[in-house]
Amino acid sequence: MLAAISHLSKNKSKVIYLTPLRALASEKFEEFKN
């Protein structure tokens, strides 16, 4: 996952799309972990 984020963040156009997706993924991960 982090490798994909790192790879995509080199494409500036994708960062804007990826940021809310990443935030949502972390939120879901926190819910799942608890």
PDB file of N, CA and C in Angstrom:
ATOM      1  N   MET A   1       0.833  -1.207   0.000  1.00  0.00           N
ATOM      2  CA  MET A   1       0.000   0.000   0.000  1.00  0.00           C
ATOM      3  C   MET A   1       0.868   1.258   0.000  1.00  0.00           C
ATOM      4  N   LEU A   2       1.805   1.341   0.953  1.00  0.00           N
ATOM      5  CA  LEU A   2       2.677   2.516   1.010  1.00  0.00           C
ATOM      6  C   LEU A   2       3.529   2.659  -0.243  1.00  0.00           C
ATOM      7  N   ALA A   3       3.971   1.549  -0.789  1.00  0.00           N
ATOM      8  CA  ALA A   3       4.754   1.598  -2.026  1.00  0.00           C
ATOM      9  C   ALA A   3       3.921   2.183  -3.161  1.00  0.00           C
ATOM     10  N   ALA A   4       2.654   1.800  -3.225  1.00  0.00           N
ATOM     11  CA  ALA A   4       1.753   2.330  -4.250  1.00  0.00           C
ATOM     12  C   ALA A   4       1.537   3.826  -4.059  1.00  0.00           C
ATOM     13  N   ILE A   5       1.342   4.254  -2.819  1.00  0.00           N
ATOM     14  CA  ILE A   5       1.160   5.674  -2.512  1.00  0.00           C
ATOM     15  C   ILE A   5       2.410   6.456  -2.894  1.00  0.00           C
ATOM     16  N   SER A   6       3.557   5.942  -2.503  1.00  0.00           N
ATOM     17  CA  SER A   6       4.834   6.574  -2.825  1.00  0.00           C
ATOM     18  C   SER A   6       5.025   6.678  -4.336  1.00  0.00           C
ATOM     19  N   HIS A   7       4.713   5.607  -5.046  1.00  0.00           N
ATOM     20  CA  HIS A   7       4.842   5.585  -6.506  1.00  0.00           C
ATOM     21  C   HIS A   7       3.891   6.589  -7.156  1.00  0.00           C
ATOM     22  N   LEU A   8       2.634   6.601  -6.723  1.00  0.00           N
ATOM     23  CA  LEU A   8       1.642   7.501  -7.307  1.00  0.00           C
ATOM     24  C   LEU A   8       1.889   8.955  -6.943  1.00  0.00           C
ATOM     25  N   SER A   9       2.463   9.209  -5.768  1.00  0.00           N
ATOM     26  CA  SER A   9       2.699  10.587  -5.356  1.00  0.00           C
ATOM     27  C   SER A   9       3.750  11.280  -6.219  1.00  0.00           C
ATOM     28  N   LYS A  10       4.501  10.505  -6.996  1.00  0.00           N
ATOM     29  CA  LYS A  10       5.424  11.110  -7.960  1.00  0.00           C
ATOM     30  C   LYS A  10       4.656  11.757  -9.111  1.00  0.00           C
ATOM     31  N   ASN A  11       3.434  11.312  -9.324  1.00  0.00           N
ATOM     32  CA  ASN A  11       2.535  11.932 -10.302  1.00  0.00           C
ATOM     33  C   ASN A  11       1.699  12.972  -9.573  1.00  0.00           C
ATOM     34  N   LYS A  12       2.049  14.230  -9.710  1.00  0.00           N
ATOM     35  CA  LYS A  12       1.364  15.284  -8.955  1.00  0.00           C
ATOM     36  C   LYS A  12      -0.149  15.281  -9.180  1.00  0.00           C
ATOM     37  N   SER A  13      -0.582  14.917 -10.367  1.00  0.00           N
ATOM     38  CA  SER A  13      -2.015  14.896 -10.671  1.00  0.00           C
ATOM     39  C   SER A  13      -2.776  13.880  -9.834  1.00  0.00           C
ATOM     40  N   LYS A  14      -2.098  12.819  -9.409  1.00  0.00           N
ATOM     41  CA  LYS A  14      -2.766  11.767  -8.646  1.00  0.00           C
ATOM     42  C   LYS A  14      -2.818  12.071  -7.148  1.00  0.00           C
ATOM     43  N   VAL A  15      -1.950  12.938  -6.666  1.00  0.00           N
ATOM     44  CA  VAL A  15      -1.871  13.212  -5.228  1.00  0.00           C
ATOM     45  C   VAL A  15      -3.199  13.742  -4.703  1.00  0.00           C
ATOM     46  N   ILE A  16      -3.813  14.659  -5.436  1.00  0.00           N
ATOM     47  CA  ILE A  16      -5.080  15.263  -5.025  1.00  0.00           C
ATOM     48  C   ILE A  16      -6.173  14.208  -4.907  1.00  0.00           C
ATOM     49  N   TYR A  17      -6.175  13.251  -5.825  1.00  0.00           N
ATOM     50  CA  TYR A  17      -7.141  12.158  -5.778  1.00  0.00           C
ATOM     51  C   TYR A  17      -6.825  11.199  -4.633  1.00  0.00           C
ATOM     52  N   LEU A  18      -5.545  10.952  -4.422  1.00  0.00           N
ATOM     53  CA  LEU A  18      -5.113   9.943  -3.471  1.00  0.00           C
ATOM     54  C   LEU A  18      -5.271  10.373  -2.017  1.00  0.00           C
ATOM     55  N   THR A  19      -5.129  11.665  -1.743  1.00  0.00           N
ATOM     56  CA  THR A  19      -5.158  12.140  -0.358  1.00  0.00           C
ATOM     57  C   THR A  19      -6.437  11.774   0.392  1.00  0.00           C
ATOM     58  N   PRO A  20      -7.644  12.075  -0.127  1.00  0.00           N
ATOM     59  CA  PRO A  20      -8.849  11.668   0.603  1.00  0.00           C
ATOM     60  C   PRO A  20      -8.990  10.152   0.697  1.00  0.00           C
ATOM     61  N   LEU A  21      -8.523   9.457  -0.324  1.00  0.00           N
ATOM     62  CA  LEU A  21      -8.571   7.996  -0.334  1.00  0.00           C
ATOM     63  C   LEU A  21      -7.694   7.427   0.776  1.00  0.00           C
ATOM     64  N   ARG A  22      -6.525   7.988   0.936  1.00  0.00           N
ATOM     65  CA  ARG A  22      -5.594   7.556   1.973  1.00  0.00           C
ATOM     66  C   ARG A  22      -6.142   7.849   3.363  1.00  0.00           C
ATOM     67  N   ALA A  23      -6.748   9.021   3.527  1.00  0.00           N
ATOM     68  CA  ALA A  23      -7.346   9.386   4.813  1.00  0.00           C
ATOM     69  C   ALA A  23      -8.480   8.427   5.168  1.00  0.00           C
ATOM     70  N   LEU A  24      -9.296   8.082   4.182  1.00  0.00           N
ATOM     71  CA  LEU A  24     -10.401   7.152   4.390  1.00  0.00           C
ATOM     72  C   LEU A  24      -9.869   5.768   4.750  1.00  0.00           C
ATOM     73  N   ALA A  25      -8.830   5.334   4.062  1.00  0.00           N
ATOM     74  CA  ALA A  25      -8.221   4.036   4.337  1.00  0.00           C
ATOM     75  C   ALA A  25      -7.667   3.974   5.758  1.00  0.00           C
ATOM     76  N   SER A  26      -6.997   5.035   6.208  1.00  0.00           N
ATOM     77  CA  SER A  26      -6.462   5.037   7.580  1.00  0.00           C
ATOM     78  C   SER A  26      -7.578   4.999   8.600  1.00  0.00           C
ATOM     79  N   GLU A  27      -8.653   5.722   8.320  1.00  0.00           N
ATOM     80  CA  GLU A  27      -9.794   5.750   9.233  1.00  0.00           C
ATOM     81  C   GLU A  27     -10.394   4.348   9.357  1.00  0.00           C
ATOM     82  N   LYS A  28     -10.583   3.677   8.238  1.00  0.00           N
ATOM     83  CA  LYS A  28     -11.124   2.317   8.241  1.00  0.00           C
ATOM     84  C   LYS A  28     -10.170   1.360   8.946  1.00  0.00           C
ATOM     85  N   PHE A  29      -8.879   1.552   8.740  1.00  0.00           N
ATOM     86  CA  PHE A  29      -7.885   0.708   9.397  1.00  0.00           C
ATOM     87  C   PHE A  29      -7.947   0.877  10.911  1.00  0.00           C
ATOM     88  N   GLU A  30      -8.091   2.104  11.374  1.00  0.00           N
ATOM     89  CA  GLU A  30      -8.210   2.367  12.813  1.00  0.00           C
ATOM     90  C   GLU A  30      -9.456   1.687  13.390  1.00  0.00           C
ATOM     91  N   GLU A  31     -10.569   1.773  12.672  1.00  0.00           N
ATOM     92  CA  GLU A  31     -11.808   1.118  13.110  1.00  0.00           C
ATOM     93  C   GLU A  31     -11.619  -0.392  13.197  1.00  0.00           C
ATOM     94  N   PHE A  32     -10.974  -0.948  12.187  1.00  0.00           N
ATOM     95  CA  PHE A  32     -10.753  -2.389  12.116  1.00  0.00           C
ATOM     96  C   PHE A  32      -9.811  -2.859  13.226  1.00  0.00           C
ATOM     97  N   LYS A  33      -8.787  -2.070  13.495  1.00  0.00           N
ATOM     98  CA  LYS A  33      -7.778  -2.407  14.495  1.00  0.00           C
ATOM     99  C   LYS A  33      -8.376  -2.445  15.898  1.00  0.00           C
ATOM    100  N   ASN A  34      -9.312  -1.551  16.165  1.00  0.00           N
ATOM    101  CA  ASN A  34      -9.906  -1.494  17.508  1.00  0.00           C
ATOM    102  C   ASN A  34     -10.928  -2.576  17.643  1.00  0.00           C
TER     103      ASN A  34
END
